[in-house]
Each structure stands twice: as structure tokens, then as C-alpha cells.
Amino acid sequence: MSTPAITAPTGVRRTPRFRVNFPIKLFANVQQRRCAIQGRSHDLSMLGMAIYIPAELESGQTVQIEFVIPNTNQRLGVNAIVRNSQGFRCGVEFQNLTPLDESGLTKLCAKLEAEAASNPPA
């Protein structure tokens, strides 16, 4: 008798997301042209982020995103894959993070988690 496969529930995130709002710059091919597009972050995790940019991207598209970690001078430049795109809102998954980028994200997410714990929603 075989054991049924166990699957993870849908909608469960692998890492916590934190609400953020800081400027980003995205580099991507849009309509066969290499573009640098200014945008804003919406939420962030160790694995990716949601952003708002004035362009529509394709799911599966590779992009580069630059941003400065808030309250620091550390600039991150990360590669990412567009996982979903609805109008001007995109969800991207980080790819091949450098140790420096991973360290910066780890510190930022730990800080955001501590802030969320000390300011629970009402």
C-alpha cells in the first residue's frame, strides 16, 4: 500500500515578508530596448520583493534591481526573475545573491522583523 504524497498548503510563504517603501532602480529589456526604470518597493523578504514600476514586465523575465538599504549607505545590486506582473506591480525572486547582498538583506529583514514585533498591529 502506498503512502499518499504530502504537499505544502498553497499560499504559504517560504520566508516572512515585510512592508517597505524605498526607491529602487530596475534595469530590464522593455520592448526590445535596455531601460533603467525608477520605481518603489512595496514588500521585501530574503527571497524577493514586490515593486511598483511604470512599465509592464513579463513573467520569467530577468531583471537587475538596485537599491540602498534604508538608514545605511549600503547599495545592493541584485539579479531577479519576474515571478508575477499585474499592471505596474511586479513580484520578483532574487537570484544568485552575492555574500555581501545576502548579508545586507539578512540584516535588513532582521531589523524589520524586530520592528514588527515591537509594533504589533492593533
N, C-alpha and C. Protein backbone atom coordinates (compact mmCIF):
# COMPACT_ATOMS: atom_id res chain seq x y z
N MET A 1 0.84 -1.17 0.00
CA MET A 1 0.00 0.00 0.00
C MET A 1 0.89 1.23 0.00
N SER A 2 0.61 2.18 -0.89
CA SER A 2 1.47 3.36 -1.00
C SER A 2 0.98 4.46 -0.07
N THR A 3 1.93 5.28 0.34
CA THR A 3 1.62 6.42 1.20
C THR A 3 1.28 7.61 0.32
N PRO A 4 0.21 8.33 0.61
CA PRO A 4 -0.12 9.49 -0.23
C PRO A 4 0.95 10.57 -0.11
N ALA A 5 1.17 11.27 -1.21
CA ALA A 5 2.15 12.36 -1.22
C ALA A 5 1.65 13.49 -0.33
N ILE A 6 2.57 14.08 0.39
CA ILE A 6 2.24 15.22 1.24
C ILE A 6 2.69 16.47 0.52
N THR A 7 1.78 17.40 0.36
CA THR A 7 2.12 18.65 -0.31
C THR A 7 1.93 19.81 0.66
N ALA A 8 2.72 20.83 0.44
CA ALA A 8 2.61 22.03 1.28
C ALA A 8 1.33 22.77 0.90
N PRO A 9 0.68 23.40 1.87
CA PRO A 9 -0.51 24.17 1.56
C PRO A 9 -0.16 25.32 0.61
N THR A 10 -1.07 25.64 -0.27
CA THR A 10 -0.82 26.75 -1.19
C THR A 10 -0.92 28.06 -0.43
N GLY A 11 -0.22 29.07 -0.92
CA GLY A 11 -0.25 30.38 -0.30
C GLY A 11 0.69 30.53 0.89
N VAL A 12 1.44 29.49 1.24
CA VAL A 12 2.37 29.57 2.36
C VAL A 12 3.70 30.11 1.85
N ARG A 13 4.21 31.12 2.47
CA ARG A 13 5.46 31.74 2.06
C ARG A 13 6.64 31.02 2.71
N ARG A 14 7.74 30.96 1.97
CA ARG A 14 8.95 30.30 2.49
C ARG A 14 9.66 31.18 3.51
N THR A 15 9.55 32.50 3.37
CA THR A 15 10.18 33.43 4.31
C THR A 15 9.20 34.57 4.58
N PRO A 16 9.28 35.20 5.74
CA PRO A 16 8.36 36.29 6.05
C PRO A 16 8.58 37.50 5.14
N ARG A 17 7.50 38.20 4.86
CA ARG A 17 7.55 39.44 4.08
C ARG A 17 7.36 40.62 5.02
N PHE A 18 8.01 41.71 4.66
CA PHE A 18 7.93 42.93 5.46
C PHE A 18 7.56 44.10 4.55
N ARG A 19 6.66 44.93 5.04
CA ARG A 19 6.24 46.11 4.28
C ARG A 19 7.38 47.10 4.27
N VAL A 20 7.72 47.60 3.09
CA VAL A 20 8.78 48.59 2.92
C VAL A 20 8.32 49.64 1.92
N ASN A 21 9.05 50.73 1.86
CA ASN A 21 8.75 51.78 0.90
C ASN A 21 10.01 52.60 0.69
N PHE A 22 10.82 52.19 -0.27
CA PHE A 22 12.03 52.93 -0.61
C PHE A 22 12.22 52.89 -2.13
N PRO A 23 12.99 53.84 -2.67
CA PRO A 23 13.17 53.87 -4.12
C PRO A 23 14.03 52.71 -4.62
N ILE A 24 13.73 52.26 -5.82
CA ILE A 24 14.53 51.23 -6.48
C ILE A 24 14.81 51.69 -7.90
N LYS A 25 15.83 51.11 -8.50
CA LYS A 25 16.07 51.31 -9.93
C LYS A 25 16.14 49.92 -10.55
N LEU A 26 15.34 49.72 -11.59
CA LEU A 26 15.26 48.42 -12.24
C LEU A 26 15.84 48.54 -13.65
N PHE A 27 16.66 47.57 -14.02
CA PHE A 27 17.23 47.50 -15.36
C PHE A 27 16.64 46.29 -16.05
N ALA A 28 16.03 46.51 -17.22
CA ALA A 28 15.37 45.42 -17.93
C ALA A 28 15.25 45.75 -19.41
N ASN A 29 15.02 44.73 -20.21
CA ASN A 29 14.68 44.93 -21.61
C ASN A 29 13.18 45.10 -21.71
N VAL A 30 12.76 46.25 -22.21
CA VAL A 30 11.34 46.55 -22.39
C VAL A 30 11.16 46.94 -23.85
N GLN A 31 10.30 46.23 -24.54
CA GLN A 31 10.06 46.46 -25.97
C GLN A 31 11.37 46.49 -26.75
N GLN A 32 12.21 45.51 -26.50
CA GLN A 32 13.49 45.28 -27.18
C GLN A 32 14.51 46.41 -26.96
N ARG A 33 14.34 47.16 -25.86
CA ARG A 33 15.31 48.21 -25.50
C ARG A 33 15.73 48.02 -24.05
N ARG A 34 17.01 48.22 -23.79
CA ARG A 34 17.52 48.16 -22.42
C ARG A 34 17.13 49.45 -21.72
N CYS A 35 16.41 49.35 -20.61
CA CYS A 35 15.89 50.52 -19.91
C CYS A 35 16.31 50.51 -18.45
N ALA A 36 16.47 51.71 -17.91
CA ALA A 36 16.63 51.91 -16.47
C ALA A 36 15.36 52.61 -16.01
N ILE A 37 14.64 51.97 -15.09
CA ILE A 37 13.32 52.46 -14.68
C ILE A 37 13.32 52.72 -13.18
N GLN A 38 12.90 53.91 -12.79
CA GLN A 38 12.76 54.24 -11.37
C GLN A 38 11.45 53.67 -10.85
N GLY A 39 11.46 53.16 -9.62
CA GLY A 39 10.25 52.62 -9.03
C GLY A 39 10.30 52.67 -7.52
N ARG A 40 9.38 51.96 -6.88
CA ARG A 40 9.29 51.91 -5.42
C ARG A 40 9.13 50.46 -4.98
N SER A 41 9.69 50.17 -3.84
CA SER A 41 9.49 48.85 -3.23
C SER A 41 8.14 48.84 -2.52
N HIS A 42 7.58 47.65 -2.35
CA HIS A 42 6.32 47.52 -1.63
C HIS A 42 6.46 46.56 -0.45
N ASP A 43 7.04 45.40 -0.70
CA ASP A 43 7.37 44.50 0.39
C ASP A 43 8.63 43.73 0.02
N LEU A 44 9.24 43.14 1.05
CA LEU A 44 10.56 42.55 0.90
C LEU A 44 10.65 41.29 1.75
N SER A 45 11.36 40.29 1.22
CA SER A 45 11.72 39.11 2.01
C SER A 45 13.16 38.77 1.63
N MET A 46 13.68 37.72 2.24
CA MET A 46 15.03 37.27 1.90
C MET A 46 15.09 36.71 0.48
N LEU A 47 13.96 36.33 -0.06
CA LEU A 47 13.94 35.67 -1.36
C LEU A 47 13.48 36.56 -2.51
N GLY A 48 12.88 37.72 -2.20
CA GLY A 48 12.40 38.57 -3.28
C GLY A 48 11.69 39.80 -2.77
N MET A 49 11.04 40.50 -3.69
CA MET A 49 10.33 41.71 -3.31
C MET A 49 9.21 42.00 -4.29
N ALA A 50 8.26 42.80 -3.85
CA ALA A 50 7.23 43.33 -4.72
C ALA A 50 7.59 44.79 -4.97
N ILE A 51 7.44 45.21 -6.22
CA ILE A 51 7.81 46.57 -6.60
C ILE A 51 6.72 47.19 -7.48
N TYR A 52 6.73 48.50 -7.54
CA TYR A 52 5.90 49.24 -8.46
C TYR A 52 6.82 49.99 -9.41
N ILE A 53 6.63 49.78 -10.69
CA ILE A 53 7.40 50.49 -11.71
C ILE A 53 6.46 50.90 -12.84
N PRO A 54 6.77 51.99 -13.56
CA PRO A 54 5.91 52.43 -14.66
C PRO A 54 6.20 51.68 -15.96
N ALA A 55 6.14 50.37 -15.92
CA ALA A 55 6.33 49.52 -17.10
C ALA A 55 5.74 48.16 -16.79
N GLU A 56 5.31 47.47 -17.82
CA GLU A 56 4.79 46.12 -17.64
C GLU A 56 5.87 45.13 -18.05
N LEU A 57 6.18 44.21 -17.14
CA LEU A 57 7.19 43.20 -17.39
C LEU A 57 6.53 41.85 -17.62
N GLU A 58 7.28 40.94 -18.21
CA GLU A 58 6.79 39.59 -18.50
C GLU A 58 7.22 38.63 -17.39
N SER A 59 6.35 37.72 -17.00
CA SER A 59 6.74 36.66 -16.07
C SER A 59 7.88 35.87 -16.69
N GLY A 60 8.90 35.55 -15.89
CA GLY A 60 10.06 34.82 -16.37
C GLY A 60 11.18 35.71 -16.87
N GLN A 61 10.92 37.00 -16.99
CA GLN A 61 11.93 37.95 -17.46
C GLN A 61 13.00 38.16 -16.39
N THR A 62 14.26 38.26 -16.82
CA THR A 62 15.36 38.54 -15.91
C THR A 62 15.58 40.04 -15.84
N VAL A 63 15.75 40.54 -14.62
CA VAL A 63 15.97 41.97 -14.39
C VAL A 63 17.09 42.15 -13.37
N GLN A 64 17.59 43.36 -13.27
CA GLN A 64 18.51 43.73 -12.20
C GLN A 64 17.84 44.87 -11.43
N ILE A 65 18.00 44.83 -10.11
CA ILE A 65 17.41 45.85 -9.24
C ILE A 65 18.50 46.41 -8.34
N GLU A 66 18.56 47.74 -8.29
CA GLU A 66 19.48 48.42 -7.37
C GLU A 66 18.67 49.19 -6.34
N PHE A 67 19.14 49.16 -5.10
CA PHE A 67 18.53 49.97 -4.05
C PHE A 67 19.51 50.14 -2.92
N VAL A 68 19.29 51.18 -2.15
CA VAL A 68 20.10 51.44 -0.96
C VAL A 68 19.29 50.96 0.24
N ILE A 69 19.93 50.16 1.08
CA ILE A 69 19.25 49.70 2.29
C ILE A 69 18.93 50.92 3.15
N PRO A 70 17.65 51.07 3.53
CA PRO A 70 17.27 52.25 4.32
C PRO A 70 18.13 52.44 5.57
N ASN A 71 18.42 53.69 5.85
CA ASN A 71 19.20 54.12 7.01
C ASN A 71 20.64 53.63 6.98
N THR A 72 21.13 53.26 5.80
CA THR A 72 22.52 52.87 5.63
C THR A 72 23.01 53.47 4.32
N ASN A 73 24.26 53.29 4.03
CA ASN A 73 24.80 53.67 2.73
C ASN A 73 25.05 52.45 1.86
N GLN A 74 24.59 51.27 2.30
CA GLN A 74 24.87 50.05 1.55
C GLN A 74 23.94 49.93 0.35
N ARG A 75 24.55 49.92 -0.82
CA ARG A 75 23.82 49.78 -2.07
C ARG A 75 23.86 48.32 -2.50
N LEU A 76 22.69 47.76 -2.80
CA LEU A 76 22.61 46.40 -3.29
C LEU A 76 22.26 46.42 -4.77
N GLY A 77 22.85 45.53 -5.52
CA GLY A 77 22.52 45.33 -6.92
C GLY A 77 22.25 43.85 -7.10
N VAL A 78 20.99 43.47 -7.24
CA VAL A 78 20.62 42.07 -7.26
C VAL A 78 20.00 41.68 -8.60
N ASN A 79 20.26 40.45 -9.01
CA ASN A 79 19.58 39.88 -10.17
C ASN A 79 18.30 39.25 -9.68
N ALA A 80 17.27 39.28 -10.52
CA ALA A 80 15.99 38.72 -10.13
C ALA A 80 15.23 38.23 -11.36
N ILE A 81 14.26 37.36 -11.10
CA ILE A 81 13.35 36.88 -12.13
C ILE A 81 11.95 37.35 -11.78
N VAL A 82 11.25 37.90 -12.76
CA VAL A 82 9.87 38.34 -12.55
C VAL A 82 9.01 37.08 -12.40
N ARG A 83 8.37 36.94 -11.26
CA ARG A 83 7.52 35.78 -11.00
C ARG A 83 6.05 36.09 -11.29
N ASN A 84 5.65 37.34 -11.09
CA ASN A 84 4.29 37.74 -11.46
C ASN A 84 4.28 39.22 -11.76
N SER A 85 3.36 39.61 -12.60
CA SER A 85 3.26 41.01 -13.00
C SER A 85 1.80 41.32 -13.29
N GLN A 86 1.28 42.32 -12.59
CA GLN A 86 -0.09 42.78 -12.79
C GLN A 86 -0.06 44.28 -12.92
N GLY A 87 -0.15 44.76 -14.15
CA GLY A 87 -0.04 46.20 -14.38
C GLY A 87 1.34 46.66 -14.00
N PHE A 88 1.42 47.65 -13.13
CA PHE A 88 2.70 48.22 -12.75
C PHE A 88 3.27 47.59 -11.48
N ARG A 89 2.61 46.56 -10.93
CA ARG A 89 3.10 45.87 -9.74
C ARG A 89 3.72 44.54 -10.15
N CYS A 90 4.94 44.29 -9.69
CA CYS A 90 5.65 43.06 -10.04
C CYS A 90 6.15 42.38 -8.78
N GLY A 91 6.17 41.07 -8.82
CA GLY A 91 6.82 40.28 -7.79
C GLY A 91 8.06 39.65 -8.40
N VAL A 92 9.20 39.84 -7.76
CA VAL A 92 10.45 39.30 -8.28
C VAL A 92 11.11 38.39 -7.25
N GLU A 93 11.80 37.37 -7.75
CA GLU A 93 12.56 36.46 -6.90
C GLU A 93 14.04 36.69 -7.14
N PHE A 94 14.78 36.93 -6.06
CA PHE A 94 16.21 37.17 -6.18
C PHE A 94 16.93 35.92 -6.68
N GLN A 95 17.99 36.13 -7.44
CA GLN A 95 18.78 35.04 -8.00
C GLN A 95 20.27 35.29 -7.73
N ASN A 96 20.99 34.26 -7.37
CA ASN A 96 22.46 34.31 -7.26
C ASN A 96 22.96 35.51 -6.45
N LEU A 97 22.43 35.66 -5.24
CA LEU A 97 22.88 36.75 -4.38
C LEU A 97 24.35 36.59 -4.02
N THR A 98 25.07 37.70 -4.00
CA THR A 98 26.45 37.67 -3.53
C THR A 98 26.42 37.57 -2.01
N PRO A 99 27.51 37.13 -1.39
CA PRO A 99 27.53 37.10 0.08
C PRO A 99 27.26 38.49 0.70
N LEU A 100 27.76 39.55 0.07
CA LEU A 100 27.52 40.90 0.57
C LEU A 100 26.04 41.27 0.49
N ASP A 101 25.40 40.96 -0.66
CA ASP A 101 23.97 41.24 -0.81
C ASP A 101 23.14 40.42 0.18
N GLU A 102 23.49 39.15 0.34
CA GLU A 102 22.77 38.28 1.27
C GLU A 102 22.90 38.78 2.71
N SER A 103 24.09 39.23 3.07
CA SER A 103 24.31 39.77 4.41
C SER A 103 23.48 41.04 4.63
N GLY A 104 23.47 41.92 3.65
CA GLY A 104 22.68 43.15 3.76
C GLY A 104 21.20 42.86 3.90
N LEU A 105 20.68 41.92 3.10
CA LEU A 105 19.27 41.55 3.19
C LEU A 105 18.94 40.89 4.53
N THR A 106 19.84 40.05 5.02
CA THR A 106 19.63 39.39 6.31
C THR A 106 19.51 40.42 7.42
N LYS A 107 20.42 41.39 7.43
CA LYS A 107 20.38 42.43 8.47
C LYS A 107 19.11 43.28 8.35
N LEU A 108 18.74 43.64 7.12
CA LEU A 108 17.54 44.45 6.92
C LEU A 108 16.29 43.69 7.36
N CYS A 109 16.15 42.43 6.97
CA CYS A 109 14.97 41.65 7.35
C CYS A 109 14.91 41.43 8.86
N ALA A 110 16.07 41.22 9.50
CA ALA A 110 16.09 41.07 10.96
C ALA A 110 15.63 42.36 11.64
N LYS A 111 16.06 43.50 11.12
CA LYS A 111 15.64 44.79 11.67
C LYS A 111 14.14 44.99 11.48
N LEU A 112 13.63 44.68 10.29
CA LEU A 112 12.20 44.83 10.01
C LEU A 112 11.37 43.88 10.88
N GLU A 113 11.88 42.67 11.11
CA GLU A 113 11.18 41.72 11.96
C GLU A 113 11.12 42.22 13.41
N ALA A 114 12.22 42.79 13.89
CA ALA A 114 12.26 43.32 15.27
C ALA A 114 11.29 44.49 15.40
N GLU A 115 11.24 45.35 14.38
CA GLU A 115 10.32 46.49 14.41
C GLU A 115 8.87 46.00 14.40
N ALA A 116 8.58 44.98 13.59
CA ALA A 116 7.20 44.44 13.54
C ALA A 116 6.81 43.82 14.88
N ALA A 117 7.77 43.16 15.54
CA ALA A 117 7.48 42.53 16.83
C ALA A 117 7.22 43.58 17.91
N SER A 118 7.91 44.71 17.83
CA SER A 118 7.73 45.74 18.86
C SER A 118 6.54 46.66 18.57
N ASN A 119 6.00 46.59 17.34
CA ASN A 119 4.83 47.40 16.97
C ASN A 119 3.76 46.50 16.35
N PRO A 120 3.15 45.60 17.14
CA PRO A 120 2.15 44.70 16.56
C PRO A 120 0.93 45.48 16.07
N PRO A 121 0.25 44.95 15.03
CA PRO A 121 -0.94 45.64 14.53
C PRO A 121 -2.03 45.70 15.59
N ALA A 122 -2.78 46.77 15.58
CA ALA A 122 -3.83 46.97 16.58
C ALA A 122 -5.03 46.10 16.33
